[in-house]
């Protein structure tokens, strides 16, 4: 079957994965991606900034290319937890749960696709924001 229907190449660049950090944070602060609980929103923004700041050290023209070049992309099944823990160890004062919260914000915003597939599994809570967020690009 794969000879007749080879897998499609995975995109590494799309509109939502190219803006700068401040533009991405602005999207996360806007509906539908904005969290209703103030502390959760702070964690999303702080974690997202930490992830994107960390990704800047890796080569790539998009955040997805940088993610793919980082150790986070090769972390396997537990990639988001392992990436959050690793990033937190390289950052003073930011814990793994805050970094994980940032990743939870960046995926629905379609800035990152950690599994490398077009659509990643998401929780029922973030799926509507993810769909709407993609449609706003």
Foldseek 3Di string as FASTA:
>chain_A
DCVVPPDDAQDQDDVLFQDDLVVLLVLCCDPPNDDPDPVLNVLQSVLLVLLQVVLVVADDNTSQVSCCRDVLLVPPPCSLQVVLCVSPVVDPPRHSVSNSSNVLSCVLLVNYDSPSHPDDDDDPVSVVSSVVNVVVD
